[in-house]
Amino acid sequence: MRAGAKVNHLSYIGDATVGEKANIGAGTITCNYDGYAKHKTEIGAGAFIGSNSALVAPVRIGEGAYIGSGSVIGKDVPDHALAVTRAPQITREDWARRMRARHEGAHAHGPAAQPHASEPASSAAADIPKSHASD
């Protein structure tokens, strides 16, 4: 780590070079081991890595580059560029209540409860997390 670089709490920065005055946000990790070998991450001077980001090595983050919080970065980021990866947020109103009803119904009455009347039968399983898919 070079002078003035900051790595905040709950971060893991392994097998990495961190340039001067780079800022590594809380919860950021370098994913440097692929099960067979360790790989390097290079973070340029003045780079800003947003909180809860994962840098998948081998990867280079350029000087002055910004990484958006929560991003998973697996490709090199040029100097002074912004890189951000995000899946769209999906909100399903009343989903938790319906999931609990199906879950409790499956245990109390055998087979899983039928989908809510307002949703097509084919979409019911898509709304259930995999850990509950067999309910």
C-alpha atoms as a PDB file:
ATOM      1  CA  MET A   1       0.000   0.000   0.000  1.00  0.00           C
ATOM      2  CA  ARG A   2       1.338   3.375  -0.999  1.00  0.00           C
ATOM      3  CA  ALA A   3       1.308   6.560   1.063  1.00  0.00           C
ATOM      4  CA  GLY A   4      -2.108   7.998   1.851  1.00  0.00           C
ATOM      5  CA  ALA A   5      -4.044   4.922   0.678  1.00  0.00           C
ATOM      6  CA  LYS A   6      -7.026   3.968   2.858  1.00  0.00           C
ATOM      7  CA  VAL A   7      -8.622   0.563   3.372  1.00  0.00           C
ATOM      8  CA  ASN A   8     -11.728   0.724   5.521  1.00  0.00           C
ATOM      9  CA  HIS A   9     -13.022  -1.896   7.947  1.00  0.00           C
ATOM     10  CA  LEU A  10     -14.247  -5.338   6.906  1.00  0.00           C
ATOM     11  CA  SER A  11     -12.270  -5.310   3.665  1.00  0.00           C
ATOM     12  CA  TYR A  12      -9.931  -7.999   2.344  1.00  0.00           C
ATOM     13  CA  ILE A  13      -7.228  -6.780  -0.007  1.00  0.00           C
ATOM     14  CA  GLY A  14      -5.000  -9.756  -0.844  1.00  0.00           C
ATOM     15  CA  ASP A  15      -2.295 -10.024  -3.501  1.00  0.00           C
ATOM     16  CA  ALA A  16      -2.920  -6.433  -4.535  1.00  0.00           C
ATOM     17  CA  THR A  17      -0.965  -3.294  -5.263  1.00  0.00           C
ATOM     18  CA  VAL A  18      -2.756  -0.173  -4.029  1.00  0.00           C
ATOM     19  CA  GLY A  19      -1.601   3.201  -5.369  1.00  0.00           C
ATOM     20  CA  GLU A  20      -1.130   6.451  -3.467  1.00  0.00           C
ATOM     21  CA  LYS A  21      -4.271   8.081  -2.101  1.00  0.00           C
ATOM     22  CA  ALA A  22      -6.536   5.282  -3.326  1.00  0.00           C
ATOM     23  CA  ASN A  23      -9.654   4.806  -1.214  1.00  0.00           C
ATOM     24  CA  ILE A  24     -11.003   1.287  -0.684  1.00  0.00           C
ATOM     25  CA  GLY A  25     -14.563   1.310   0.687  1.00  0.00           C
ATOM     26  CA  ALA A  26     -15.755  -0.815   3.602  1.00  0.00           C
ATOM     27  CA  GLY A  27     -16.591  -4.404   2.730  1.00  0.00           C
ATOM     28  CA  THR A  28     -14.545  -4.421  -0.476  1.00  0.00           C
ATOM     29  CA  ILE A  29     -12.709  -7.643  -1.301  1.00  0.00           C
ATOM     30  CA  THR A  30     -10.198  -8.791  -3.858  1.00  0.00           C
ATOM     31  CA  CYS A  31     -11.188 -12.206  -5.189  1.00  0.00           C
ATOM     32  CA  ASN A  32      -7.683 -13.394  -5.871  1.00  0.00           C
ATOM     33  CA  TYR A  33      -7.821 -17.207  -5.652  1.00  0.00           C
ATOM     34  CA  ASP A  34      -9.454 -19.355  -8.341  1.00  0.00           C
ATOM     35  CA  GLY A  35      -9.021 -22.681  -6.571  1.00  0.00           C
ATOM     36  CA  TYR A  36      -5.625 -23.317  -8.154  1.00  0.00           C
ATOM     37  CA  ALA A  37      -3.588 -20.106  -8.117  1.00  0.00           C
ATOM     38  CA  LYS A  38      -3.582 -16.602  -6.657  1.00  0.00           C
ATOM     39  CA  HIS A  39      -3.882 -13.641  -9.016  1.00  0.00           C
ATOM     40  CA  LYS A  40      -2.959  -9.964  -8.646  1.00  0.00           C
ATOM     41  CA  THR A  41      -5.200  -6.928  -8.418  1.00  0.00           C
ATOM     42  CA  GLU A  42      -3.728  -3.530  -9.273  1.00  0.00           C
ATOM     43  CA  ILE A  43      -5.470  -0.424  -7.968  1.00  0.00           C
ATOM     44  CA  GLY A  44      -4.122   2.836  -9.361  1.00  0.00           C
ATOM     45  CA  ALA A  45      -3.233   6.009  -7.511  1.00  0.00           C
ATOM     46  CA  GLY A  46      -6.264   8.051  -6.491  1.00  0.00           C
ATOM     47  CA  ALA A  47      -8.746   5.332  -7.414  1.00  0.00           C
ATOM     48  CA  PHE A  48     -11.992   5.190  -5.435  1.00  0.00           C
ATOM     49  CA  ILE A  49     -13.510   1.776  -4.789  1.00  0.00           C
ATOM     50  CA  GLY A  50     -17.099   2.009  -3.515  1.00  0.00           C
ATOM     51  CA  SER A  51     -18.185   0.012  -0.470  1.00  0.00           C
ATOM     52  CA  ASN A  52     -19.069  -3.674  -0.780  1.00  0.00           C
ATOM     53  CA  SER A  53     -17.340  -4.142  -4.133  1.00  0.00           C
ATOM     54  CA  ALA A  54     -15.620  -7.315  -5.348  1.00  0.00           C
ATOM     55  CA  LEU A  55     -12.557  -7.043  -7.571  1.00  0.00           C
ATOM     56  CA  VAL A  56     -12.085 -10.359  -9.396  1.00  0.00           C
ATOM     57  CA  ALA A  57      -8.391 -10.854 -10.184  1.00  0.00           C
ATOM     58  CA  PRO A  58      -6.511 -10.631 -12.336  1.00  0.00           C
ATOM     59  CA  VAL A  59      -7.805  -7.100 -12.774  1.00  0.00           C
ATOM     60  CA  ARG A  60      -6.417  -3.564 -13.019  1.00  0.00           C
ATOM     61  CA  ILE A  61      -8.271  -0.507 -11.741  1.00  0.00           C
ATOM     62  CA  GLY A  62      -6.764   2.575 -13.404  1.00  0.00           C
ATOM     63  CA  GLU A  63      -5.487   5.741 -11.786  1.00  0.00           C
ATOM     64  CA  GLY A  64      -8.311   7.993 -10.619  1.00  0.00           C
ATOM     65  CA  ALA A  65     -10.966   5.450 -11.627  1.00  0.00           C
ATOM     66  CA  TYR A  66     -14.225   5.112  -9.693  1.00  0.00           C
ATOM     67  CA  ILE A  67     -15.951   1.832  -8.895  1.00  0.00           C
ATOM     68  CA  GLY A  68     -19.629   2.116  -7.935  1.00  0.00           C
ATOM     69  CA  SER A  69     -20.634   0.610  -4.599  1.00  0.00           C
ATOM     70  CA  GLY A  70     -21.703  -3.021  -4.718  1.00  0.00           C
ATOM     71  CA  SER A  71     -20.062  -3.701  -8.079  1.00  0.00           C
ATOM     72  CA  VAL A  72     -18.393  -6.949  -9.125  1.00  0.00           C
ATOM     73  CA  ILE A  73     -15.513  -5.959 -11.389  1.00  0.00           C
ATOM     74  CA  GLY A  74     -13.860  -8.634 -13.531  1.00  0.00           C
ATOM     75  CA  LYS A  75     -12.521  -6.533 -16.411  1.00  0.00           C
ATOM     76  CA  ASP A  76      -9.830  -3.857 -16.379  1.00  0.00           C
ATOM     77  CA  VAL A  77     -11.065  -0.297 -15.764  1.00  0.00           C
ATOM     78  CA  PRO A  78      -9.213   2.495 -17.618  1.00  0.00           C
ATOM     79  CA  ASP A  79      -7.715   5.528 -15.881  1.00  0.00           C
ATOM     80  CA  HIS A  80     -10.339   8.064 -14.730  1.00  0.00           C
ATOM     81  CA  ALA A  81     -13.284   5.873 -15.817  1.00  0.00           C
ATOM     82  CA  LEU A  82     -16.403   4.881 -13.884  1.00  0.00           C
ATOM     83  CA  ALA A  83     -17.292   1.187 -13.679  1.00  0.00           C
ATOM     84  CA  VAL A  84     -20.522   0.007 -12.094  1.00  0.00           C
ATOM     85  CA  THR A  85     -22.404  -3.284 -12.215  1.00  0.00           C
ATOM     86  CA  ARG A  86     -25.924  -3.537 -10.890  1.00  0.00           C
ATOM     87  CA  ALA A  87     -28.853  -5.820 -11.338  1.00  0.00           C
ATOM     88  CA  PRO A  88     -32.168  -3.977 -11.376  1.00  0.00           C
ATOM     89  CA  GLN A  89     -34.089  -3.985  -8.100  1.00  0.00           C
ATOM     90  CA  ILE A  90     -37.343  -5.879  -8.322  1.00  0.00           C
ATOM     91  CA  THR A  91     -40.001  -5.271  -5.679  1.00  0.00           C
ATOM     92  CA  ARG A  92     -42.937  -7.660  -5.487  1.00  0.00           C
ATOM     93  CA  GLU A  93     -45.717  -6.249  -3.335  1.00  0.00           C
ATOM     94  CA  ASP A  94     -47.146  -8.672  -0.759  1.00  0.00           C
ATOM     95  CA  TRP A  95     -44.718 -11.431  -1.888  1.00  0.00           C
ATOM     96  CA  ALA A  96     -43.518 -12.293   1.629  1.00  0.00           C
ATOM     97  CA  ARG A  97     -47.072 -12.822   2.903  1.00  0.00           C
ATOM     98  CA  ARG A  98     -47.889 -15.151  -0.037  1.00  0.00           C
ATOM     99  CA  MET A  99     -44.605 -17.065   0.361  1.00  0.00           C
ATOM    100  CA  ARG A 100     -45.253 -17.636   4.059  1.00  0.00           C
ATOM    101  CA  ALA A 101     -48.811 -18.807   3.311  1.00  0.00           C
ATOM    102  CA  ARG A 102     -47.525 -21.296   0.712  1.00  0.00           C
ATOM    103  CA  HIS A 103     -44.761 -22.464   3.040  1.00  0.00           C
ATOM    104  CA  GLU A 104     -47.047 -22.931   6.023  1.00  0.00           C
ATOM    105  CA  GLY A 105     -49.751 -24.501   3.836  1.00  0.00           C
ATOM    106  CA  ALA A 106     -47.310 -27.041   2.415  1.00  0.00           C
ATOM    107  CA  HIS A 107     -46.270 -28.213   5.851  1.00  0.00           C
ATOM    108  CA  ALA A 108     -49.767 -28.268   7.296  1.00  0.00           C
ATOM    109  CA  HIS A 109     -51.693 -29.642   4.313  1.00  0.00           C
ATOM    110  CA  GLY A 110     -49.256 -31.631   2.195  1.00  0.00           C
ATOM    111  CA  PRO A 111     -48.731 -30.235  -1.340  1.00  0.00           C
ATOM    112  CA  ALA A 112     -47.831 -26.576  -1.841  1.00  0.00           C
ATOM    113  CA  ALA A 113     -50.648 -24.051  -1.820  1.00  0.00           C
ATOM    114  CA  GLN A 114     -51.930 -22.768  -5.161  1.00  0.00           C
ATOM    115  CA  PRO A 115     -50.586 -19.462  -6.538  1.00  0.00           C
ATOM    116  CA  HIS A 116     -52.283 -16.249  -5.542  1.00  0.00           C
ATOM    117  CA  ALA A 117     -55.361 -15.618  -7.728  1.00  0.00           C
ATOM    118  CA  SER A 118     -53.775 -12.490  -9.247  1.00  0.00           C
ATOM    119  CA  GLU A 119     -50.681 -14.315 -10.565  1.00  0.00           C
ATOM    120  CA  PRO A 120     -50.485 -16.881 -13.347  1.00  0.00           C
ATOM    121  CA  ALA A 121     -49.702 -20.431 -12.207  1.00  0.00           C
ATOM    122  CA  SER A 122     -46.477 -20.484 -14.257  1.00  0.00           C
ATOM    123  CA  SER A 123     -45.006 -17.491 -12.363  1.00  0.00           C
ATOM    124  CA  ALA A 124     -45.618 -18.784  -8.847  1.00  0.00           C
ATOM    125  CA  ALA A 125     -42.390 -20.811  -8.661  1.00  0.00           C
ATOM    126  CA  ALA A 126     -40.366 -17.896 -10.065  1.00  0.00           C
ATOM    127  CA  ASP A 127     -41.358 -15.797  -7.047  1.00  0.00           C
ATOM    128  CA  ILE A 128     -40.161 -18.372  -4.511  1.00  0.00           C
ATOM    129  CA  PRO A 129     -36.493 -18.378  -3.455  1.00  0.00           C
ATOM    130  CA  LYS A 130     -34.687 -21.602  -4.370  1.00  0.00           C
ATOM    131  CA  SER A 131     -34.473 -22.518  -0.691  1.00  0.00           C
ATOM    132  CA  HIS A 132     -38.288 -22.685  -0.664  1.00  0.00           C
ATOM    133  CA  ALA A 133     -38.840 -24.015  -4.205  1.00  0.00           C
ATOM    134  CA  SER A 134     -39.595 -27.535  -2.991  1.00  0.00           C
ATOM    135  CA  ASP A 135     -42.256 -26.358  -0.525  1.00  0.00           C
END
